[in-house]
Amino acid sequence: PLENEAVVYLSVSLFSPFPQFWRLFLSSYFAFYYLCLRFLYERLKRLKYEAEILDKLGRYHALERKLADLNWKKYEAEDKMRSSIF
């Protein structure tokens, strides 16, 4: 796509009665296009980072639940041992 736009830019700038105007217009178009792409790239990078953080938080909460279950089982086992001794 960029090659086609470069050909259009070249043909418009060579054969236009207002080459400076078209050159300025197309260069501002490319600058806007670049800024949009850059903005989208930065947003995608941030979204990827946020997704990684959410994934790690999910794993952390799952480990916390597992630890709570194991502690509950440990207390139940200790309680059974105490009740069987007396």
PDB file of N, CA and C in Angstrom:
ATOM      1  N   PRO A   1       0.808  -1.202   0.000  1.00  0.00           N
ATOM      2  CA  PRO A   1       0.000   0.000   0.000  1.00  0.00           C
ATOM      3  C   PRO A   1       0.851   1.266   0.000  1.00  0.00           C
ATOM      4  N   LEU A   2       1.962   1.241   0.701  1.00  0.00           N
ATOM      5  CA  LEU A   2       2.794   2.430   0.762  1.00  0.00           C
ATOM      6  C   LEU A   2       3.411   2.739  -0.586  1.00  0.00           C
ATOM      7  N   GLU A   3       3.764   1.710  -1.346  1.00  0.00           N
ATOM      8  CA  GLU A   3       4.337   1.943  -2.665  1.00  0.00           C
ATOM      9  C   GLU A   3       3.316   2.609  -3.574  1.00  0.00           C
ATOM     10  N   ASN A   4       2.071   2.178  -3.524  1.00  0.00           N
ATOM     11  CA  ASN A   4       1.026   2.791  -4.343  1.00  0.00           C
ATOM     12  C   ASN A   4       0.815   4.246  -3.958  1.00  0.00           C
ATOM     13  N   GLU A   5       0.832   4.538  -2.668  1.00  0.00           N
ATOM     14  CA  GLU A   5       0.664   5.917  -2.225  1.00  0.00           C
ATOM     15  C   GLU A   5       1.839   6.774  -2.669  1.00  0.00           C
ATOM     16  N   ALA A   6       3.033   6.194  -2.682  1.00  0.00           N
ATOM     17  CA  ALA A   6       4.199   6.941  -3.142  1.00  0.00           C
ATOM     18  C   ALA A   6       4.084   7.247  -4.627  1.00  0.00           C
ATOM     19  N   VAL A   7       3.563   6.313  -5.412  1.00  0.00           N
ATOM     20  CA  VAL A   7       3.377   6.545  -6.847  1.00  0.00           C
ATOM     21  C   VAL A   7       2.339   7.632  -7.057  1.00  0.00           C
ATOM     22  N   VAL A   8       1.256   7.577  -6.298  1.00  0.00           N
ATOM     23  CA  VAL A   8       0.226   8.619  -6.411  1.00  0.00           C
ATOM     24  C   VAL A   8       0.808   9.961  -6.028  1.00  0.00           C
ATOM     25  N   TYR A   9       1.577   9.987  -4.967  1.00  0.00           N
ATOM     26  CA  TYR A   9       2.204  11.229  -4.518  1.00  0.00           C
ATOM     27  C   TYR A   9       3.103  11.793  -5.605  1.00  0.00           C
ATOM     28  N   LEU A  10       3.907  10.941  -6.217  1.00  0.00           N
ATOM     29  CA  LEU A  10       4.829  11.386  -7.255  1.00  0.00           C
ATOM     30  C   LEU A  10       4.072  11.881  -8.470  1.00  0.00           C
ATOM     31  N   SER A  11       3.063  11.147  -8.908  1.00  0.00           N
ATOM     32  CA  SER A  11       2.328  11.554 -10.105  1.00  0.00           C
ATOM     33  C   SER A  11       1.541  12.834  -9.852  1.00  0.00           C
ATOM     34  N   VAL A  12       0.968  12.979  -8.661  1.00  0.00           N
ATOM     35  CA  VAL A  12       0.220  14.201  -8.358  1.00  0.00           C
ATOM     36  C   VAL A  12       1.158  15.384  -8.276  1.00  0.00           C
ATOM     37  N   SER A  13       2.317  15.192  -7.674  1.00  0.00           N
ATOM     38  CA  SER A  13       3.228  16.324  -7.519  1.00  0.00           C
ATOM     39  C   SER A  13       3.862  16.732  -8.845  1.00  0.00           C
ATOM     40  N   LEU A  14       4.025  15.795  -9.777  1.00  0.00           N
ATOM     41  CA  LEU A  14       4.636  16.141 -11.062  1.00  0.00           C
ATOM     42  C   LEU A  14       3.651  16.783 -12.029  1.00  0.00           C
ATOM     43  N   PHE A  15       2.420  16.291 -12.042  1.00  0.00           N
ATOM     44  CA  PHE A  15       1.476  16.725 -13.066  1.00  0.00           C
ATOM     45  C   PHE A  15       0.417  17.692 -12.550  1.00  0.00           C
ATOM     46  N   SER A  16       0.503  18.093 -11.353  1.00  0.00           N
ATOM     47  CA  SER A  16      -0.487  19.000 -10.794  1.00  0.00           C
ATOM     48  C   SER A  16      -0.128  20.441 -11.109  1.00  0.00           C
ATOM     49  N   PRO A  17      -1.139  21.279 -11.324  1.00  0.00           N
ATOM     50  CA  PRO A  17      -0.836  22.706 -11.502  1.00  0.00           C
ATOM     51  C   PRO A  17      -0.385  23.362 -10.197  1.00  0.00           C
ATOM     52  N   PHE A  18      -0.665  22.692  -9.080  1.00  0.00           N
ATOM     53  CA  PHE A  18      -0.260  23.212  -7.773  1.00  0.00           C
ATOM     54  C   PHE A  18       0.580  22.172  -7.041  1.00  0.00           C
ATOM     55  N   PRO A  19       1.787  21.905  -7.507  1.00  0.00           N
ATOM     56  CA  PRO A  19       2.568  20.818  -6.885  1.00  0.00           C
ATOM     57  C   PRO A  19       2.892  21.071  -5.415  1.00  0.00           C
ATOM     58  N   GLN A  20       3.136  22.331  -5.071  1.00  0.00           N
ATOM     59  CA  GLN A  20       3.471  22.611  -3.669  1.00  0.00           C
ATOM     60  C   GLN A  20       2.286  22.313  -2.759  1.00  0.00           C
ATOM     61  N   PHE A  21       1.090  22.697  -3.221  1.00  0.00           N
ATOM     62  CA  PHE A  21      -0.107  22.437  -2.424  1.00  0.00           C
ATOM     63  C   PHE A  21      -0.304  20.940  -2.214  1.00  0.00           C
ATOM     64  N   TRP A  22      -0.189  20.166  -3.294  1.00  0.00           N
ATOM     65  CA  TRP A  22      -0.397  18.723  -3.184  1.00  0.00           C
ATOM     66  C   TRP A  22       0.688  18.076  -2.338  1.00  0.00           C
ATOM     67  N   ARG A  23       1.898  18.558  -2.481  1.00  0.00           N
ATOM     68  CA  ARG A  23       2.994  18.012  -1.682  1.00  0.00           C
ATOM     69  C   ARG A  23       2.720  18.261  -0.196  1.00  0.00           C
ATOM     70  N   LEU A  24       2.282  19.466   0.129  1.00  0.00           N
ATOM     71  CA  LEU A  24       1.966  19.795   1.519  1.00  0.00           C
ATOM     72  C   LEU A  24       0.773  18.978   2.010  1.00  0.00           C
ATOM     73  N   PHE A  25      -0.259  18.872   1.163  1.00  0.00           N
ATOM     74  CA  PHE A  25      -1.453  18.119   1.541  1.00  0.00           C
ATOM     75  C   PHE A  25      -1.117  16.659   1.796  1.00  0.00           C
ATOM     76  N   LEU A  26      -0.379  16.043   0.888  1.00  0.00           N
ATOM     77  CA  LEU A  26      -0.058  14.627   1.042  1.00  0.00           C
ATOM     78  C   LEU A  26       0.918  14.389   2.180  1.00  0.00           C
ATOM     79  N   SER A  27       1.857  15.306   2.375  1.00  0.00           N
ATOM     80  CA  SER A  27       2.786  15.115   3.493  1.00  0.00           C
ATOM     81  C   SER A  27       2.038  15.236   4.822  1.00  0.00           C
ATOM     82  N   SER A  28       1.056  16.149   4.898  1.00  0.00           N
ATOM     83  CA  SER A  28       0.274  16.248   6.133  1.00  0.00           C
ATOM     84  C   SER A  28      -0.610  15.009   6.296  1.00  0.00           C
ATOM     85  N   TYR A  29      -1.092  14.465   5.170  1.00  0.00           N
ATOM     86  CA  TYR A  29      -1.878  13.233   5.218  1.00  0.00           C
ATOM     87  C   TYR A  29      -1.023  12.089   5.760  1.00  0.00           C
ATOM     88  N   PHE A  30       0.201  11.962   5.262  1.00  0.00           N
ATOM     89  CA  PHE A  30       1.085  10.899   5.740  1.00  0.00           C
ATOM     90  C   PHE A  30       1.455  11.111   7.202  1.00  0.00           C
ATOM     91  N   ALA A  31       1.643  12.362   7.598  1.00  0.00           N
ATOM     92  CA  ALA A  31       1.953  12.641   9.001  1.00  0.00           C
ATOM     93  C   ALA A  31       0.778  12.241   9.891  1.00  0.00           C
ATOM     94  N   PHE A  32      -0.442  12.576   9.460  1.00  0.00           N
ATOM     95  CA  PHE A  32      -1.630  12.199  10.228  1.00  0.00           C
ATOM     96  C   PHE A  32      -1.765  10.682  10.283  1.00  0.00           C
ATOM     97  N   TYR A  33      -1.547  10.035   9.150  1.00  0.00           N
ATOM     98  CA  TYR A  33      -1.612   8.576   9.062  1.00  0.00           C
ATOM     99  C   TYR A  33      -0.592   7.949  10.011  1.00  0.00           C
ATOM    100  N   TYR A  34       0.629   8.481  10.020  1.00  0.00           N
ATOM    101  CA  TYR A  34       1.677   7.974  10.904  1.00  0.00           C
ATOM    102  C   TYR A  34       1.291   8.177  12.367  1.00  0.00           C
ATOM    103  N   LEU A  35       0.755   9.349  12.698  1.00  0.00           N
ATOM    104  CA  LEU A  35       0.363   9.613  14.082  1.00  0.00           C
ATOM    105  C   LEU A  35      -0.759   8.679  14.529  1.00  0.00           C
ATOM    106  N   CYS A  36      -1.704   8.408  13.635  1.00  0.00           N
ATOM    107  CA  CYS A  36      -2.782   7.468  13.973  1.00  0.00           C
ATOM    108  C   CYS A  36      -2.216   6.070  14.219  1.00  0.00           C
ATOM    109  N   LEU A  37      -1.320   5.642  13.345  1.00  0.00           N
ATOM    110  CA  LEU A  37      -0.709   4.325  13.529  1.00  0.00           C
ATOM    111  C   LEU A  37       0.082   4.263  14.825  1.00  0.00           C
ATOM    112  N   ARG A  38       0.806   5.327  15.109  1.00  0.00           N
ATOM    113  CA  ARG A  38       1.602   5.370  16.341  1.00  0.00           C
ATOM    114  C   ARG A  38       0.688   5.313  17.577  1.00  0.00           C
ATOM    115  N   PHE A  39      -0.412   6.065  17.533  1.00  0.00           N
ATOM    116  CA  PHE A  39      -1.367   6.061  18.638  1.00  0.00           C
ATOM    117  C   PHE A  39      -1.941   4.663  18.836  1.00  0.00           C
ATOM    118  N   LEU A  40      -2.349   4.022  17.742  1.00  0.00           N
ATOM    119  CA  LEU A  40      -2.911   2.675  17.844  1.00  0.00           C
ATOM    120  C   LEU A  40      -1.883   1.682  18.363  1.00  0.00           C
ATOM    121  N   TYR A  41      -0.632   1.826  17.917  1.00  0.00           N
ATOM    122  CA  TYR A  41       0.434   0.942  18.390  1.00  0.00           C
ATOM    123  C   TYR A  41       0.623   1.093  19.894  1.00  0.00           C
ATOM    124  N   GLU A  42       0.646   2.327  20.379  1.00  0.00           N
ATOM    125  CA  GLU A  42       0.828   2.562  21.815  1.00  0.00           C
ATOM    126  C   GLU A  42      -0.357   2.023  22.613  1.00  0.00           C
ATOM    127  N   ARG A  43      -1.581   2.199  22.097  1.00  0.00           N
ATOM    128  CA  ARG A  43      -2.756   1.673  22.783  1.00  0.00           C
ATOM    129  C   ARG A  43      -2.717   0.147  22.835  1.00  0.00           C
ATOM    130  N   LEU A  44      -2.330  -0.484  21.726  1.00  0.00           N
ATOM    131  CA  LEU A  44      -2.248  -1.944  21.713  1.00  0.00           C
ATOM    132  C   LEU A  44      -1.191  -2.445  22.683  1.00  0.00           C
ATOM    133  N   LYS A  45      -0.080  -1.723  22.754  1.00  0.00           N
ATOM    134  CA  LYS A  45       0.972  -2.100  23.693  1.00  0.00           C
ATOM    135  C   LYS A  45       0.451  -2.007  25.134  1.00  0.00           C
ATOM    136  N   ARG A  46      -0.279  -0.937  25.422  1.00  0.00           N
ATOM    137  CA  ARG A  46      -0.833  -0.769  26.771  1.00  0.00           C
ATOM    138  C   ARG A  46      -1.877  -1.846  27.072  1.00  0.00           C
ATOM    139  N   LEU A  47      -2.721  -2.152  26.096  1.00  0.00           N
ATOM    140  CA  LEU A  47      -3.723  -3.196  26.298  1.00  0.00           C
ATOM    141  C   LEU A  47      -3.075  -4.551  26.538  1.00  0.00           C
ATOM    142  N   LYS A  48      -1.991  -4.824  25.830  1.00  0.00           N
ATOM    143  CA  LYS A  48      -1.277  -6.083  26.036  1.00  0.00           C
ATOM    144  C   LYS A  48      -0.715  -6.137  27.457  1.00  0.00           C
ATOM    145  N   TYR A  49      -0.143  -5.029  27.908  1.00  0.00           N
ATOM    146  CA  TYR A  49       0.399  -4.955  29.260  1.00  0.00           C
ATOM    147  C   TYR A  49      -0.713  -5.163  30.293  1.00  0.00           C
ATOM    148  N   GLU A  50      -1.869  -4.497  30.086  1.00  0.00           N
ATOM    149  CA  GLU A  50      -2.981  -4.648  31.018  1.00  0.00           C
ATOM    150  C   GLU A  50      -3.506  -6.082  31.025  1.00  0.00           C
ATOM    151  N   ALA A  51      -3.540  -6.719  29.864  1.00  0.00           N
ATOM    152  CA  ALA A  51      -3.999  -8.114  29.792  1.00  0.00           C
ATOM    153  C   ALA A  51      -3.044  -9.028  30.555  1.00  0.00           C
ATOM    154  N   GLU A  52      -1.747  -8.768  30.439  1.00  0.00           N
ATOM    155  CA  GLU A  52      -0.771  -9.569  31.185  1.00  0.00           C
ATOM    156  C   GLU A  52      -0.954  -9.383  32.688  1.00  0.00           C
ATOM    157  N   ILE A  53      -1.184  -8.145  33.112  1.00  0.00           N
ATOM    158  CA  ILE A  53      -1.392  -7.865  34.538  1.00  0.00           C
ATOM    159  C   ILE A  53      -2.651  -8.578  35.037  1.00  0.00           C
ATOM    160  N   LEU A  54      -3.742  -8.494  34.254  1.00  0.00           N
ATOM    161  CA  LEU A  54      -4.977  -9.171  34.660  1.00  0.00           C
ATOM    162  C   LEU A  54      -4.790 -10.677  34.733  1.00  0.00           C
ATOM    163  N   ASP A  55      -4.025 -11.223  33.798  1.00  0.00           N
ATOM    164  CA  ASP A  55      -3.753 -12.661  33.821  1.00  0.00           C
ATOM    165  C   ASP A  55      -2.976 -13.039  35.079  1.00  0.00           C
ATOM    166  N   LYS A  56      -1.971 -12.239  35.424  1.00  0.00           N
ATOM    167  CA  LYS A  56      -1.187 -12.521  36.625  1.00  0.00           C
ATOM    168  C   LYS A  56      -2.035 -12.372  37.885  1.00  0.00           C
ATOM    169  N   LEU A  57      -2.918 -11.366  37.904  1.00  0.00           N
ATOM    170  CA  LEU A  57      -3.807 -11.210  39.059  1.00  0.00           C
ATOM    171  C   LEU A  57      -4.751 -12.401  39.190  1.00  0.00           C
ATOM    172  N   GLY A  58      -5.241 -12.890  38.062  1.00  0.00           N
ATOM    173  CA  GLY A  58      -6.114 -14.064  38.095  1.00  0.00           C
ATOM    174  C   GLY A  58      -5.399 -15.278  38.651  1.00  0.00           C
ATOM    175  N   ARG A  59      -4.153 -15.474  38.214  1.00  0.00           N
ATOM    176  CA  ARG A  59      -3.375 -16.602  38.745  1.00  0.00           C
ATOM    177  C   ARG A  59      -3.100 -16.428  40.231  1.00  0.00           C
ATOM    178  N   TYR A  60      -2.815 -15.192  40.642  1.00  0.00           N
ATOM    179  CA  TYR A  60      -2.549 -14.903  42.051  1.00  0.00           C
ATOM    180  C   TYR A  60      -3.780 -15.216  42.904  1.00  0.00           C
ATOM    181  N   HIS A  61      -4.960 -14.800  42.434  1.00  0.00           N
ATOM    182  CA  HIS A  61      -6.186 -15.080  43.193  1.00  0.00           C
ATOM    183  C   HIS A  61      -6.478 -16.574  43.240  1.00  0.00           C
ATOM    184  N   ALA A  62      -6.197 -17.278  42.158  1.00  0.00           N
ATOM    185  CA  ALA A  62      -6.404 -18.735  42.158  1.00  0.00           C
ATOM    186  C   ALA A  62      -5.480 -19.397  43.176  1.00  0.00           C
ATOM    187  N   LEU A  63      -4.228 -18.939  43.243  1.00  0.00           N
ATOM    188  CA  LEU A  63      -3.300 -19.496  44.234  1.00  0.00           C
ATOM    189  C   LEU A  63      -3.736 -19.161  45.658  1.00  0.00           C
ATOM    190  N   GLU A  64      -4.272 -17.946  45.855  1.00  0.00           N
ATOM    191  CA  GLU A  64      -4.778 -17.592  47.182  1.00  0.00           C
ATOM    192  C   GLU A  64      -5.932 -18.500  47.597  1.00  0.00           C
ATOM    193  N   ARG A  65      -6.853 -18.774  46.669  1.00  0.00           N
ATOM    194  CA  ARG A  65      -7.972 -19.675  46.981  1.00  0.00           C
ATOM    195  C   ARG A  65      -7.470 -21.078  47.297  1.00  0.00           C
ATOM    196  N   LYS A  66      -6.486 -21.525  46.535  1.00  0.00           N
ATOM    197  CA  LYS A  66      -5.929 -22.859  46.775  1.00  0.00           C
ATOM    198  C   LYS A  66      -5.271 -22.916  48.157  1.00  0.00           C
ATOM    199  N   LEU A  67      -4.544 -21.871  48.509  1.00  0.00           N
ATOM    200  CA  LEU A  67      -3.910 -21.812  49.826  1.00  0.00           C
ATOM    201  C   LEU A  67      -4.960 -21.792  50.938  1.00  0.00           C
ATOM    202  N   ALA A  68      -6.025 -21.032  50.748  1.00  0.00           N
ATOM    203  CA  ALA A  68      -7.095 -20.996  51.759  1.00  0.00           C
ATOM    204  C   ALA A  68      -7.732 -22.374  51.913  1.00  0.00           C
ATOM    205  N   ASP A  69      -7.958 -23.073  50.801  1.00  0.00           N
ATOM    206  CA  ASP A  69      -8.519 -24.434  50.877  1.00  0.00           C
ATOM    207  C   ASP A  69      -7.579 -25.376  51.613  1.00  0.00           C
ATOM    208  N   LEU A  70      -6.292 -25.284  51.312  1.00  0.00           N
ATOM    209  CA  LEU A  70      -5.323 -26.153  51.988  1.00  0.00           C
ATOM    210  C   LEU A  70      -5.252 -25.842  53.480  1.00  0.00           C
ATOM    211  N   ASN A  71      -5.299 -24.564  53.843  1.00  0.00           N
ATOM    212  CA  ASN A  71      -5.301 -24.199  55.265  1.00  0.00           C
ATOM    213  C   ASN A  71      -6.543 -24.733  55.960  1.00  0.00           C
ATOM    214  N   TRP A  72      -7.692 -24.644  55.289  1.00  0.00           N
ATOM    215  CA  TRP A  72      -8.930 -25.173  55.873  1.00  0.00           C
ATOM    216  C   TRP A  72      -8.821 -26.676  56.092  1.00  0.00           C
ATOM    217  N   LYS A  73      -8.275 -27.385  55.112  1.00  0.00           N
ATOM    218  CA  LYS A  73      -8.106 -28.838  55.253  1.00  0.00           C
ATOM    219  C   LYS A  73      -7.123 -29.160  56.377  1.00  0.00           C
ATOM    220  N   LYS A  74      -6.076 -28.348  56.505  1.00  0.00           N
ATOM    221  CA  LYS A  74      -5.095 -28.554  57.579  1.00  0.00           C
ATOM    222  C   LYS A  74      -5.756 -28.374  58.943  1.00  0.00           C
ATOM    223  N   TYR A  75      -6.551 -27.315  59.105  1.00  0.00           N
ATOM    224  CA  TYR A  75      -7.235 -27.090  60.384  1.00  0.00           C
ATOM    225  C   TYR A  75      -8.232 -28.206  60.685  1.00  0.00           C
ATOM    226  N   GLU A  76      -8.928 -28.687  59.663  1.00  0.00           N
ATOM    227  CA  GLU A  76      -9.859 -29.803  59.874  1.00  0.00           C
ATOM    228  C   GLU A  76      -9.108 -31.060  60.313  1.00  0.00           C
ATOM    229  N   ALA A  77      -7.973 -31.329  59.667  1.00  0.00           N
ATOM    230  CA  ALA A  77      -7.185 -32.514  60.031  1.00  0.00           C
ATOM    231  C   ALA A  77      -6.653 -32.388  61.458  1.00  0.00           C
ATOM    232  N   GLU A  78      -6.154 -31.190  61.837  1.00  0.00           N
ATOM    233  CA  GLU A  78      -5.671 -30.982  63.202  1.00  0.00           C
ATOM    234  C   GLU A  78      -6.809 -31.138  64.210  1.00  0.00           C
ATOM    235  N   ASP A  79      -7.991 -30.631  63.849  1.00  0.00           N
ATOM    236  CA  ASP A  79      -9.142 -30.753  64.743  1.00  0.00           C
ATOM    237  C   ASP A  79      -9.540 -32.214  64.931  1.00  0.00           C
ATOM    238  N   LYS A  80      -9.518 -32.983  63.844  1.00  0.00           N
ATOM    239  CA  LYS A  80      -9.840 -34.414  63.942  1.00  0.00           C
ATOM    240  C   LYS A  80      -8.813 -35.142  64.797  1.00  0.00           C
ATOM    241  N   MET A  81      -7.525 -34.769  64.635  1.00  0.00           N
ATOM    242  CA  MET A  81      -6.481 -35.417  65.437  1.00  0.00           C
ATOM    243  C   MET A  81      -6.683 -35.101  66.916  1.00  0.00           C
ATOM    244  N   ARG A  82      -7.014 -33.846  67.245  1.00  0.00           N
ATOM    245  CA  ARG A  82      -7.239 -33.471  68.640  1.00  0.00           C
ATOM    246  C   ARG A  82      -8.460 -34.184  69.212  1.00  0.00           C
ATOM    247  N   SER A  83      -9.510 -34.273  68.430  1.00  0.00           N
ATOM    248  CA  SER A  83     -10.734 -34.908  68.940  1.00  0.00           C
ATOM    249  C   SER A  83     -10.559 -36.421  69.074  1.00  0.00           C
ATOM    250  N   SER A  84      -9.725 -37.020  68.253  1.00  0.00           N
ATOM    251  CA  SER A  84      -9.521 -38.472  68.369  1.00  0.00           C
ATOM    252  C   SER A  84      -8.605 -38.809  69.538  1.00  0.00           C
ATOM    253  N   ILE A  85      -7.755 -37.895  69.957  1.00  0.00           N
ATOM    254  CA  ILE A  85      -6.862 -38.140  71.088  1.00  0.00           C
ATOM    255  C   ILE A  85      -7.654 -38.107  72.387  1.00  0.00           C
ATOM    256  N   PHE A  86      -8.572 -37.184  72.529  1.00  0.00           N
ATOM    257  CA  PHE A  86      -9.311 -37.044  73.793  1.00  0.00           C
ATOM    258  C   PHE A  86     -10.492 -37.885  73.740  1.00  0.00           C
TER     259      PHE A  86
END
